Amino acid sequence: AHQEIDIKNPASNHHNPGFTDEERGKMTELLDSGFVDTF
């Protein structure tokens, strides 16, 4: 889930698989490399 808007309970899931800073950072890197999240 890339941003807090993409998950129901961001605070309680912050360090859970799929919502770690590391994973979200990799999605940011992918988008910044030249891609767009269409939704």
Full PDB file with SEQRES, HELIX, SHEET, SSBOND, CRYST1, ORIGX, SCALE, CONECT and MASTER records, all heavy atoms in Angstrom:
SEQRES   1 A   39  ALA HIS GLN GLU ILE ASP ILE LYS ASN PRO ALA SER ASN          
SEQRES   2 A   39  HIS HIS ASN PRO GLY PHE THR ASP GLU GLU ARG GLY LYS          
SEQRES   3 A   39  MET THR GLU LEU LEU ASP SER GLY PHE VAL ASP THR PHE          
HELIX    1 AA1 GLU A    4  ASP A    6  5                                   3    
HELIX    2 AA2 ASP A   21  ASP A   32  1                                  12    
CRYST1    1.000    1.000    1.000  90.00  90.00  90.00 P 1           1          
ORIGX1      1.000000  0.000000  0.000000        0.00000                         
ORIGX2      0.000000  1.000000  0.000000        0.00000                         
ORIGX3      0.000000  0.000000  1.000000        0.00000                         
SCALE1      1.000000  0.000000  0.000000        0.00000                         
SCALE2      0.000000  1.000000  0.000000        0.00000                         
SCALE3      0.000000  0.000000  1.000000        0.00000                         
ATOM      1  N   ALA A   1       0.880  -1.168   0.000  1.00  0.00           N  
ATOM      2  CA  ALA A   1       0.000   0.000   0.000  1.00  0.00           C  
ATOM      3  C   ALA A   1       0.917   1.218   0.000  1.00  0.00           C  
ATOM      4  O   ALA A   1       1.645   1.441   0.969  1.00  0.00           O  
ATOM      5  CB  ALA A   1      -0.906  -0.016   1.227  1.00  0.00           C  
ATOM      6  N   HIS A   2       0.910   1.975  -1.084  1.00  0.00           N  
ATOM      7  CA  HIS A   2       1.956   2.977  -1.277  1.00  0.00           C  
ATOM      8  C   HIS A   2       1.865   4.137  -0.288  1.00  0.00           C  
ATOM      9  O   HIS A   2       2.858   4.537   0.313  1.00  0.00           O  
ATOM     10  CB  HIS A   2       1.908   3.498  -2.719  1.00  0.00           C  
ATOM     11  CG  HIS A   2       3.009   4.445  -3.041  1.00  0.00           C  
ATOM     12  ND1 HIS A   2       2.849   5.539  -3.851  1.00  0.00           N  
ATOM     13  CD2 HIS A   2       4.314   4.477  -2.636  1.00  0.00           C  
ATOM     14  CE1 HIS A   2       3.987   6.194  -3.951  1.00  0.00           C  
ATOM     15  NE2 HIS A   2       4.899   5.567  -3.222  1.00  0.00           N  
ATOM     16  N   GLN A   3       0.671   4.688  -0.128  1.00  0.00           N  
ATOM     17  CA  GLN A   3       0.505   5.854   0.744  1.00  0.00           C  
ATOM     18  C   GLN A   3      -0.526   5.549   1.838  1.00  0.00           C  
ATOM     19  O   GLN A   3      -1.272   4.582   1.736  1.00  0.00           O  
ATOM     20  CB  GLN A   3       0.039   7.065  -0.080  1.00  0.00           C  
ATOM     21  CG  GLN A   3       0.950   7.416  -1.249  1.00  0.00           C  
ATOM     22  CD  GLN A   3       2.271   8.031  -0.828  1.00  0.00           C  
ATOM     23  OE1 GLN A   3       2.540   8.209   0.366  1.00  0.00           O  
ATOM     24  NE2 GLN A   3       3.115   8.347  -1.801  1.00  0.00           N  
ATOM     25  N   GLU A   4      -0.579   6.412   2.833  1.00  0.00           N  
ATOM     26  CA  GLU A   4      -1.529   6.180   3.918  1.00  0.00           C  
ATOM     27  C   GLU A   4      -2.971   6.134   3.424  1.00  0.00           C  
ATOM     28  O   GLU A   4      -3.808   5.415   3.974  1.00  0.00           O  
ATOM     29  CB  GLU A   4      -1.368   7.257   5.004  1.00  0.00           C  
ATOM     30  CG  GLU A   4      -0.062   7.114   5.765  1.00  0.00           C  
ATOM     31  CD  GLU A   4      -0.025   7.923   7.053  1.00  0.00           C  
ATOM     32  OE1 GLU A   4      -0.962   8.728   7.266  1.00  0.00           O  
ATOM     33  OE2 GLU A   4       0.932   7.740   7.829  1.00  0.00           O  
ATOM     34  N   ILE A   5      -3.276   6.850   2.347  1.00  0.00           N  
ATOM     35  CA  ILE A   5      -4.618   6.842   1.779  1.00  0.00           C  
ATOM     36  C   ILE A   5      -4.986   5.470   1.215  1.00  0.00           C  
ATOM     37  O   ILE A   5      -6.165   5.165   1.013  1.00  0.00           O  
ATOM     38  CB  ILE A   5      -4.723   7.932   0.674  1.00  0.00           C  
ATOM     39  CG1 ILE A   5      -6.180   8.200   0.309  1.00  0.00           C  
ATOM     40  CG2 ILE A   5      -3.905   7.551  -0.544  1.00  0.00           C  
ATOM     41  CD1 ILE A   5      -6.363   9.358  -0.667  1.00  0.00           C  
ATOM     42  N   ASP A   6      -3.987   4.619   0.988  1.00  0.00           N  
ATOM     43  CA  ASP A   6      -4.194   3.313   0.362  1.00  0.00           C  
ATOM     44  C   ASP A   6      -4.424   2.189   1.367  1.00  0.00           C  
ATOM     45  O   ASP A   6      -4.445   1.013   0.972  1.00  0.00           O  
ATOM     46  CB  ASP A   6      -2.990   2.955  -0.526  1.00  0.00           C  
ATOM     47  CG  ASP A   6      -2.795   3.940  -1.658  1.00  0.00           C  
ATOM     48  OD1 ASP A   6      -3.802   4.282  -2.307  1.00  0.00           O  
ATOM     49  OD2 ASP A   6      -1.649   4.368  -1.897  1.00  0.00           O  
ATOM     50  N   ILE A   7      -4.613   2.524   2.626  1.00  0.00           N  
ATOM     51  CA  ILE A   7      -4.788   1.495   3.646  1.00  0.00           C  
ATOM     52  C   ILE A   7      -5.723   2.028   4.724  1.00  0.00           C  
ATOM     53  O   ILE A   7      -5.698   3.221   5.046  1.00  0.00           O  
ATOM     54  CB  ILE A   7      -3.412   1.073   4.226  1.00  0.00           C  
ATOM     55  CG1 ILE A   7      -3.540  -0.094   5.192  1.00  0.00           C  
ATOM     56  CG2 ILE A   7      -2.680   2.242   4.834  1.00  0.00           C  
ATOM     57  CD1 ILE A   7      -2.184  -0.686   5.602  1.00  0.00           C  
ATOM     58  N   LYS A   8      -6.557   1.161   5.255  1.00  0.00           N  
ATOM     59  CA  LYS A   8      -7.572   1.598   6.215  1.00  0.00           C  
ATOM     60  C   LYS A   8      -6.959   2.066   7.530  1.00  0.00           C  
ATOM     61  O   LYS A   8      -7.370   3.080   8.085  1.00  0.00           O  
ATOM     62  CB  LYS A   8      -8.553   0.439   6.482  1.00  0.00           C  
ATOM     63  CG  LYS A   8      -9.712   0.791   7.393  1.00  0.00           C  
ATOM     64  CD  LYS A   8     -10.671   1.756   6.703  1.00  0.00           C  
ATOM     65  CE  LYS A   8     -11.949   1.955   7.494  1.00  0.00           C  
ATOM     66  NZ  LYS A   8     -12.883   2.837   6.776  1.00  0.00           N  
ATOM     67  N   ASN A   9      -5.993   1.296   8.027  1.00  0.00           N  
ATOM     68  CA  ASN A   9      -5.420   1.606   9.343  1.00  0.00           C  
ATOM     69  C   ASN A   9      -3.905   1.791   9.248  1.00  0.00           C  
ATOM     70  O   ASN A   9      -3.138   0.909   9.634  1.00  0.00           O  
ATOM     71  CB  ASN A   9      -5.754   0.486  10.334  1.00  0.00           C  
ATOM     72  CG  ASN A   9      -7.251   0.339  10.537  1.00  0.00           C  
ATOM     73  OD1 ASN A   9      -7.931   1.279  10.907  1.00  0.00           O  
ATOM     74  ND2 ASN A   9      -7.772  -0.861  10.282  1.00  0.00           N  
ATOM     75  N   PRO A  10      -3.456   2.931   8.724  1.00  0.00           N  
ATOM     76  CA  PRO A  10      -2.015   3.096   8.499  1.00  0.00           C  
ATOM     77  C   PRO A  10      -1.167   3.045   9.768  1.00  0.00           C  
ATOM     78  O   PRO A  10      -0.102   2.424   9.780  1.00  0.00           O  
ATOM     79  CB  PRO A  10      -1.908   4.462   7.810  1.00  0.00           C  
ATOM     80  CG  PRO A  10      -3.196   5.151   8.071  1.00  0.00           C  
ATOM     81  CD  PRO A  10      -4.222   4.074   8.228  1.00  0.00           C  
ATOM     82  N   ALA A  11      -1.651   3.636  10.845  1.00  0.00           N  
ATOM     83  CA  ALA A  11      -0.833   3.711  12.056  1.00  0.00           C  
ATOM     84  C   ALA A  11      -0.540   2.332  12.627  1.00  0.00           C  
ATOM     85  O   ALA A  11       0.610   2.004  12.962  1.00  0.00           O  
ATOM     86  CB  ALA A  11      -1.517   4.589  13.099  1.00  0.00           C  
ATOM     87  N   SER A  12      -1.551   1.486  12.710  1.00  0.00           N  
ATOM     88  CA  SER A  12      -1.363   0.168  13.332  1.00  0.00           C  
ATOM     89  C   SER A  12      -0.653  -0.814  12.409  1.00  0.00           C  
ATOM     90  O   SER A  12      -0.226  -1.883  12.839  1.00  0.00           O  
ATOM     91  CB  SER A  12      -2.711  -0.408  13.764  1.00  0.00           C  
ATOM     92  OG  SER A  12      -3.567  -0.581  12.661  1.00  0.00           O  
ATOM     93  N   ASN A  13      -0.503  -0.466  11.128  1.00  0.00           N  
ATOM     94  CA  ASN A  13       0.144  -1.378  10.172  1.00  0.00           C  
ATOM     95  C   ASN A  13       1.536  -0.904   9.741  1.00  0.00           C  
ATOM     96  O   ASN A  13       2.144  -1.525   8.866  1.00  0.00           O  
ATOM     97  CB  ASN A  13      -0.734  -1.534   8.924  1.00  0.00           C  
ATOM     98  CG  ASN A  13      -1.885  -2.493   9.155  1.00  0.00           C  
ATOM     99  OD1 ASN A  13      -1.680  -3.680   9.360  1.00  0.00           O  
ATOM    100  ND2 ASN A  13      -3.088  -1.958   9.148  1.00  0.00           N  
ATOM    101  N   HIS A  14       2.025   0.136  10.377  1.00  0.00           N  
ATOM    102  CA  HIS A  14       3.216   0.801   9.860  1.00  0.00           C  
ATOM    103  C   HIS A  14       4.412  -0.132   9.636  1.00  0.00           C  
ATOM    104  O   HIS A  14       5.153   0.022   8.664  1.00  0.00           O  
ATOM    105  CB  HIS A  14       3.606   1.952  10.797  1.00  0.00           C  
ATOM    106  CG  HIS A  14       4.752   2.766  10.303  1.00  0.00           C  
ATOM    107  ND1 HIS A  14       5.473   3.603  11.097  1.00  0.00           N  
ATOM    108  CD2 HIS A  14       5.329   2.865   9.074  1.00  0.00           C  
ATOM    109  CE1 HIS A  14       6.440   4.178  10.390  1.00  0.00           C  
ATOM    110  NE2 HIS A  14       6.373   3.754   9.165  1.00  0.00           N  
ATOM    111  N   HIS A  15       4.604  -1.092  10.493  1.00  0.00           N  
ATOM    112  CA  HIS A  15       5.774  -1.969  10.356  1.00  0.00           C  
ATOM    113  C   HIS A  15       5.387  -3.372   9.887  1.00  0.00           C  
ATOM    114  O   HIS A  15       6.185  -4.304   9.989  1.00  0.00           O  
ATOM    115  CB  HIS A  15       6.547  -2.038  11.677  1.00  0.00           C  
ATOM    116  CG  HIS A  15       7.087  -0.706  12.096  1.00  0.00           C  
ATOM    117  ND1 HIS A  15       8.064  -0.045  11.385  1.00  0.00           N  
ATOM    118  CD2 HIS A  15       6.764   0.113  13.138  1.00  0.00           C  
ATOM    119  CE1 HIS A  15       8.336   1.109  11.969  1.00  0.00           C  
ATOM    120  NE2 HIS A  15       7.549   1.234  13.035  1.00  0.00           N  
ATOM    121  N   ASN A  16       4.176  -3.518   9.381  1.00  0.00           N  
ATOM    122  CA  ASN A  16       3.722  -4.824   8.896  1.00  0.00           C  
ATOM    123  C   ASN A  16       4.082  -5.024   7.429  1.00  0.00           C  
ATOM    124  O   ASN A  16       4.255  -4.050   6.689  1.00  0.00           O  
ATOM    125  CB  ASN A  16       2.204  -4.951   9.078  1.00  0.00           C  
ATOM    126  CG  ASN A  16       1.817  -5.150  10.532  1.00  0.00           C  
ATOM    127  OD1 ASN A  16       2.630  -5.570  11.346  1.00  0.00           O  
ATOM    128  ND2 ASN A  16       0.573  -4.832  10.866  1.00  0.00           N  
ATOM    129  N   PRO A  17       4.214  -6.302   6.997  1.00  0.00           N  
ATOM    130  CA  PRO A  17       4.519  -6.572   5.588  1.00  0.00           C  
ATOM    131  C   PRO A  17       3.519  -5.880   4.678  1.00  0.00           C  
ATOM    132  O   PRO A  17       2.307  -5.964   4.892  1.00  0.00           O  
ATOM    133  CB  PRO A  17       4.385  -8.097   5.484  1.00  0.00           C  
ATOM    134  CG  PRO A  17       4.541  -8.611   6.871  1.00  0.00           C  
ATOM    135  CD  PRO A  17       4.039  -7.552   7.785  1.00  0.00           C  
ATOM    136  N   GLY A  18       4.023  -5.177   3.673  1.00  0.00           N  
ATOM    137  CA  GLY A  18       3.176  -4.474   2.741  1.00  0.00           C  
ATOM    138  C   GLY A  18       2.980  -3.007   3.064  1.00  0.00           C  
ATOM    139  O   GLY A  18       2.443  -2.245   2.256  1.00  0.00           O  
ATOM    140  N   PHE A  19       3.463  -2.585   4.249  1.00  0.00           N  
ATOM    141  CA  PHE A  19       3.344  -1.169   4.602  1.00  0.00           C  
ATOM    142  C   PHE A  19       4.557  -0.687   5.383  1.00  0.00           C  
ATOM    143  O   PHE A  19       4.480   0.222   6.203  1.00  0.00           O  
ATOM    144  CB  PHE A  19       2.046  -0.901   5.369  1.00  0.00           C  
ATOM    145  CG  PHE A  19       1.628   0.554   5.355  1.00  0.00           C  
ATOM    146  CD1 PHE A  19       1.360   1.204   4.154  1.00  0.00           C  
ATOM    147  CD2 PHE A  19       1.507   1.266   6.538  1.00  0.00           C  
ATOM    148  CE1 PHE A  19       0.979   2.543   4.143  1.00  0.00           C  
ATOM    149  CE2 PHE A  19       1.130   2.616   6.538  1.00  0.00           C  
ATOM    150  CZ  PHE A  19       0.867   3.247   5.337  1.00  0.00           C  
ATOM    151  N   THR A  20       5.695  -1.305   5.127  1.00  0.00           N  
ATOM    152  CA  THR A  20       6.930  -0.822   5.740  1.00  0.00           C  
ATOM    153  C   THR A  20       7.471   0.370   4.944  1.00  0.00           C  
ATOM    154  O   THR A  20       7.149   0.541   3.761  1.00  0.00           O  
ATOM    155  CB  THR A  20       8.007  -1.914   5.762  1.00  0.00           C  
ATOM    156  OG1 THR A  20       8.332  -2.271   4.406  1.00  0.00           O  
ATOM    157  CG2 THR A  20       7.534  -3.151   6.515  1.00  0.00           C  
ATOM    158  N   ASP A  21       8.281   1.153   5.584  1.00  0.00           N  
ATOM    159  CA  ASP A  21       8.909   2.286   4.887  1.00  0.00           C  
ATOM    160  C   ASP A  21       9.738   1.786   3.706  1.00  0.00           C  
ATOM    161  O   ASP A  21       9.790   2.441   2.653  1.00  0.00           O  
ATOM    162  CB  ASP A  21       9.805   3.066   5.853  1.00  0.00           C  
ATOM    163  CG  ASP A  21       9.006   3.782   6.936  1.00  0.00           C  
ATOM    164  OD1 ASP A  21       7.787   3.982   6.745  1.00  0.00           O  
ATOM    165  OD2 ASP A  21       9.609   4.135   7.971  1.00  0.00           O  
ATOM    166  N   GLU A  22      10.381   0.640   3.881  1.00  0.00           N  
ATOM    167  CA  GLU A  22      11.237   0.109   2.825  1.00  0.00           C  
ATOM    168  C   GLU A  22      10.428  -0.247   1.573  1.00  0.00           C  
ATOM    169  O   GLU A  22      10.803   0.095   0.442  1.00  0.00           O  
ATOM    170  CB  GLU A  22      11.997  -1.132   3.315  1.00  0.00           C  
ATOM    171  CG  GLU A  22      13.020  -0.854   4.409  1.00  0.00           C  
ATOM    172  CD  GLU A  22      12.444  -0.945   5.825  1.00  0.00           C  
ATOM    173  OE1 GLU A  22      11.211  -0.862   5.984  1.00  0.00           O  
ATOM    174  OE2 GLU A  22      13.247  -1.097   6.767  1.00  0.00           O  
ATOM    175  N   GLU A  23       9.315  -0.956   1.766  1.00  0.00           N  
ATOM    176  CA  GLU A  23       8.495  -1.371   0.619  1.00  0.00           C  
ATOM    177  C   GLU A  23       7.852  -0.170  -0.063  1.00  0.00           C  
ATOM    178  O   GLU A  23       7.829  -0.077  -1.298  1.00  0.00           O  
ATOM    179  CB  GLU A  23       7.411  -2.348   1.084  1.00  0.00           C  
ATOM    180  CG  GLU A  23       7.966  -3.683   1.536  1.00  0.00           C  
ATOM    181  CD  GLU A  23       6.980  -4.459   2.397  1.00  0.00           C  
ATOM    182  OE1 GLU A  23       6.416  -3.888   3.360  1.00  0.00           O  
ATOM    183  OE2 GLU A  23       6.762  -5.631   2.089  1.00  0.00           O  
ATOM    184  N   ARG A  24       7.343   0.742   0.730  1.00  0.00           N  
ATOM    185  CA  ARG A  24       6.730   1.939   0.163  1.00  0.00           C  
ATOM    186  C   ARG A  24       7.772   2.778  -0.585  1.00  0.00           C  
ATOM    187  O   ARG A  24       7.479   3.360  -1.642  1.00  0.00           O  
ATOM    188  CB  ARG A  24       6.072   2.749   1.273  1.00  0.00           C  
ATOM    189  CG  ARG A  24       4.900   2.017   1.915  1.00  0.00           C  
ATOM    190  CD  ARG A  24       4.454   2.670   3.206  1.00  0.00           C  
ATOM    191  NE  ARG A  24       3.908   3.998   2.962  1.00  0.00           N  
ATOM    192  CZ  ARG A  24       3.712   4.906   3.908  1.00  0.00           C  
ATOM    193  NH1 ARG A  24       4.040   4.625   5.177  1.00  0.00           N  
ATOM    194  NH2 ARG A  24       3.209   6.088   3.620  1.00  0.00           N  
ATOM    195  N   GLY A  25       8.981   2.781  -0.043  1.00  0.00           N  
ATOM    196  CA  GLY A  25      10.058   3.508  -0.709  1.00  0.00           C  
ATOM    197  C   GLY A  25      10.404   2.931  -2.063  1.00  0.00           C  
ATOM    198  O   GLY A  25      10.708   3.668  -3.014  1.00  0.00           O  
ATOM    199  N   LYS A  26      10.350   1.608  -2.189  1.00  0.00           N  
ATOM    200  CA  LYS A  26      10.640   0.969  -3.486  1.00  0.00           C  
ATOM    201  C   LYS A  26       9.556   1.293  -4.512  1.00  0.00           C  
ATOM    202  O   LYS A  26       9.851   1.457  -5.700  1.00  0.00           O  
ATOM    203  CB  LYS A  26      10.793  -0.540  -3.333  1.00  0.00           C  
ATOM    204  CG  LYS A  26      12.064  -0.964  -2.611  1.00  0.00           C  
ATOM    205  CD  LYS A  26      13.322  -0.515  -3.336  1.00  0.00           C  
ATOM    206  CE  LYS A  26      14.579  -0.961  -2.600  1.00  0.00           C  
ATOM    207  NZ  LYS A  26      15.808  -0.370  -3.190  1.00  0.00           N  
ATOM    208  N   MET A  27       8.299   1.381  -4.076  1.00  0.00           N  
ATOM    209  CA  MET A  27       7.247   1.801  -5.007  1.00  0.00           C  
ATOM    210  C   MET A  27       7.485   3.239  -5.465  1.00  0.00           C  
ATOM    211  O   MET A  27       7.338   3.565  -6.651  1.00  0.00           O  
ATOM    212  CB  MET A  27       5.864   1.651  -4.370  1.00  0.00           C  
ATOM    213  CG  MET A  27       4.723   2.185  -5.232  1.00  0.00           C  
ATOM    214  SD  MET A  27       4.578   1.370  -6.852  1.00  0.00           S  
ATOM    215  CE  MET A  27       3.481   0.017  -6.398  1.00  0.00           C  
ATOM    216  N   THR A  28       7.888   4.091  -4.533  1.00  0.00           N  
ATOM    217  CA  THR A  28       8.214   5.474  -4.899  1.00  0.00           C  
ATOM    218  C   THR A  28       9.345   5.507  -5.915  1.00  0.00           C  
ATOM    219  O   THR A  28       9.284   6.251  -6.913  1.00  0.00           O  
ATOM    220  CB  THR A  28       8.600   6.293  -3.652  1.00  0.00           C  
ATOM    221  OG1 THR A  28       7.484   6.314  -2.752  1.00  0.00           O  
ATOM    222  CG2 THR A  28       8.984   7.714  -4.012  1.00  0.00           C  
ATOM    223  N   GLU A  29      10.386   4.696  -5.698  1.00  0.00           N  
ATOM    224  CA  GLU A  29      11.501   4.636  -6.648  1.00  0.00           C  
ATOM    225  C   GLU A  29      11.039   4.197  -8.030  1.00  0.00           C  
ATOM    226  O   GLU A  29      11.476   4.747  -9.053  1.00  0.00           O  
ATOM    227  CB  GLU A  29      12.575   3.669  -6.147  1.00  0.00           C  
ATOM    228  CG  GLU A  29      13.451   4.204  -5.037  1.00  0.00           C  
ATOM    229  CD  GLU A  29      14.560   3.214  -4.682  1.00  0.00           C  
ATOM    230  OE1 GLU A  29      15.342   2.849  -5.582  1.00  0.00           O  
ATOM    231  OE2 GLU A  29      14.622   2.792  -3.511  1.00  0.00           O  
ATOM    232  N   LEU A  30      10.160   3.190  -8.072  1.00  0.00           N  
ATOM    233  CA  LEU A  30       9.660   2.707  -9.360  1.00  0.00           C  
ATOM    234  C   LEU A  30       8.883   3.807 -10.078  1.00  0.00           C  
ATOM    235  O   LEU A  30       9.095   4.060 -11.275  1.00  0.00           O  
ATOM    236  CB  LEU A  30       8.775   1.476  -9.146  1.00  0.00           C  
ATOM    237  CG  LEU A  30       8.115   0.878 -10.398  1.00  0.00           C  
ATOM    238  CD1 LEU A  30       9.158   0.457 -11.421  1.00  0.00           C  
ATOM    239  CD2 LEU A  30       7.229  -0.309 -10.014  1.00  0.00           C  
ATOM    240  N   LEU A  31       7.996   4.494  -9.359  1.00  0.00           N  
ATOM    241  CA  LEU A  31       7.225   5.575  -9.971  1.00  0.00           C  
ATOM    242  C   LEU A  31       8.147   6.710 -10.413  1.00  0.00           C  
ATOM    243  O   LEU A  31       8.005   7.242 -11.526  1.00  0.00           O  
ATOM    244  CB  LEU A  31       6.163   6.080  -8.995  1.00  0.00           C  
ATOM    245  CG  LEU A  31       5.073   5.068  -8.616  1.00  0.00           C  
ATOM    246  CD1 LEU A  31       4.167   5.642  -7.528  1.00  0.00           C  
ATOM    247  CD2 LEU A  31       4.248   4.639  -9.822  1.00  0.00           C  
ATOM    248  N   ASP A  32       9.099   7.056  -9.585  1.00  0.00           N  
ATOM    249  CA  ASP A  32      10.021   8.145  -9.920  1.00  0.00           C  
ATOM    250  C   ASP A  32      10.911   7.811 -11.117  1.00  0.00           C  
ATOM    251  O   ASP A  32      11.445   8.708 -11.770  1.00  0.00           O  
ATOM    252  CB  ASP A  32      10.896   8.500  -8.714  1.00  0.00           C  
ATOM    253  CG  ASP A  32      10.132   9.238  -7.622  1.00  0.00           C  
ATOM    254  OD1 ASP A  32       8.980   9.634  -7.877  1.00  0.00           O  
ATOM    255  OD2 ASP A  32      10.682   9.393  -6.514  1.00  0.00           O  
ATOM    256  N   SER A  33      11.067   6.514 -11.402  1.00  0.00           N  
ATOM    257  CA  SER A  33      11.909   6.117 -12.538  1.00  0.00           C  
ATOM    258  C   SER A  33      11.182   6.288 -13.873  1.00  0.00           C  
ATOM    259  O   SER A  33      11.771   6.092 -14.928  1.00  0.00           O  
ATOM    260  CB  SER A  33      12.377   4.659 -12.371  1.00  0.00           C  
ATOM    261  OG  SER A  33      11.328   3.739 -12.656  1.00  0.00           O  
ATOM    262  N   GLY A  34       9.894   6.643 -13.810  1.00  0.00           N  
ATOM    263  CA  GLY A  34       9.185   6.945 -15.054  1.00  0.00           C  
ATOM    264  C   GLY A  34       7.844   6.254 -15.222  1.00  0.00           C  
ATOM    265  O   GLY A  34       7.392   6.053 -16.356  1.00  0.00           O  
ATOM    266  N   PHE A  35       7.177   5.913 -14.113  1.00  0.00           N  
ATOM    267  CA  PHE A  35       5.879   5.246 -14.181  1.00  0.00           C  
ATOM    268  C   PHE A  35       4.816   6.022 -13.404  1.00  0.00           C  
ATOM    269  O   PHE A  35       5.127   6.848 -12.547  1.00  0.00           O  
ATOM    270  CB  PHE A  35       5.997   3.813 -13.642  1.00  0.00           C  
ATOM    271  CG  PHE A  35       6.717   2.898 -14.590  1.00  0.00           C  
ATOM    272  CD1 PHE A  35       8.107   2.796 -14.560  1.00  0.00           C  
ATOM    273  CD2 PHE A  35       6.021   2.169 -15.539  1.00  0.00           C  
ATOM    274  CE1 PHE A  35       8.782   1.987 -15.453  1.00  0.00           C  
ATOM    275  CE2 PHE A  35       6.694   1.346 -16.435  1.00  0.00           C  
ATOM    276  CZ  PHE A  35       8.073   1.251 -16.393  1.00  0.00           C  
ATOM    277  N   VAL A  36       3.563   5.744 -13.735  1.00  0.00           N  
ATOM    278  CA  VAL A  36       2.425   6.455 -13.158  1.00  0.00           C  
ATOM    279  C   VAL A  36       1.449   5.437 -12.586  1.00  0.00           C  
ATOM    280  O   VAL A  36       1.103   4.449 -13.246  1.00  0.00           O  
ATOM    281  CB  VAL A  36       1.711   7.289 -14.245  1.00  0.00           C  
ATOM    282  CG1 VAL A  36       0.481   7.980 -13.673  1.00  0.00           C  
ATOM    283  CG2 VAL A  36       2.663   8.292 -14.870  1.00  0.00           C  
ATOM    284  N   ASP A  37       0.987   5.685 -11.358  1.00  0.00           N  
ATOM    285  CA  ASP A  37      -0.070   4.890 -10.728  1.00  0.00           C  
ATOM    286  C   ASP A  37      -1.392   5.380 -11.314  1.00  0.00           C  
ATOM    287  O   ASP A  37      -1.855   6.480 -10.999  1.00  0.00           O  
ATOM    288  CB  ASP A  37      -0.004   5.101  -9.213  1.00  0.00           C  
ATOM    289  CG  ASP A  37      -1.118   4.415  -8.442  1.00  0.00           C  
ATOM    290  OD1 ASP A  37      -2.075   3.910  -9.053  1.00  0.00           O  
ATOM    291  OD2 ASP A  37      -1.039   4.419  -7.191  1.00  0.00           O  
ATOM    292  N   THR A  38      -2.020   4.573 -12.172  1.00  0.00           N  
ATOM    293  CA  THR A  38      -3.160   5.060 -12.944  1.00  0.00           C  
ATOM    294  C   THR A  38      -4.367   5.377 -12.065  1.00  0.00           C  
ATOM    295  O   THR A  38      -5.117   6.311 -12.367  1.00  0.00           O  
ATOM    296  CB  THR A  38      -3.559   4.059 -14.037  1.00  0.00           C  
ATOM    297  OG1 THR A  38      -3.877   2.788 -13.445  1.00  0.00           O  
ATOM    298  CG2 THR A  38      -2.425   3.880 -15.035  1.00  0.00           C  
ATOM    299  N   PHE A  39      -4.566   4.627 -10.999  1.00  0.00           N  
ATOM    300  CA  PHE A  39      -5.718   4.915 -10.139  1.00  0.00           C  
ATOM    301  C   PHE A  39      -5.563   6.275  -9.475  1.00  0.00           C  
ATOM    302  O   PHE A  39      -6.501   7.081  -9.453  1.00  0.00           O  
ATOM    303  CB  PHE A  39      -5.919   3.815  -9.091  1.00  0.00           C  
ATOM    304  CG  PHE A  39      -7.164   4.024  -8.270  1.00  0.00           C  
ATOM    305  CD1 PHE A  39      -8.408   3.684  -8.783  1.00  0.00           C  
ATOM    306  CD2 PHE A  39      -7.106   4.586  -7.006  1.00  0.00           C  
ATOM    307  CE1 PHE A  39      -9.577   3.912  -8.044  1.00  0.00           C  
ATOM    308  CE2 PHE A  39      -8.253   4.805  -6.259  1.00  0.00           C  
ATOM    309  CZ  PHE A  39      -9.504   4.466  -6.785  1.00  0.00           C  
TER     310      PHE A  39                                                      
MASTER        0    0    0    2    0    0    0    6  309    1    0    3          
END                                                                             
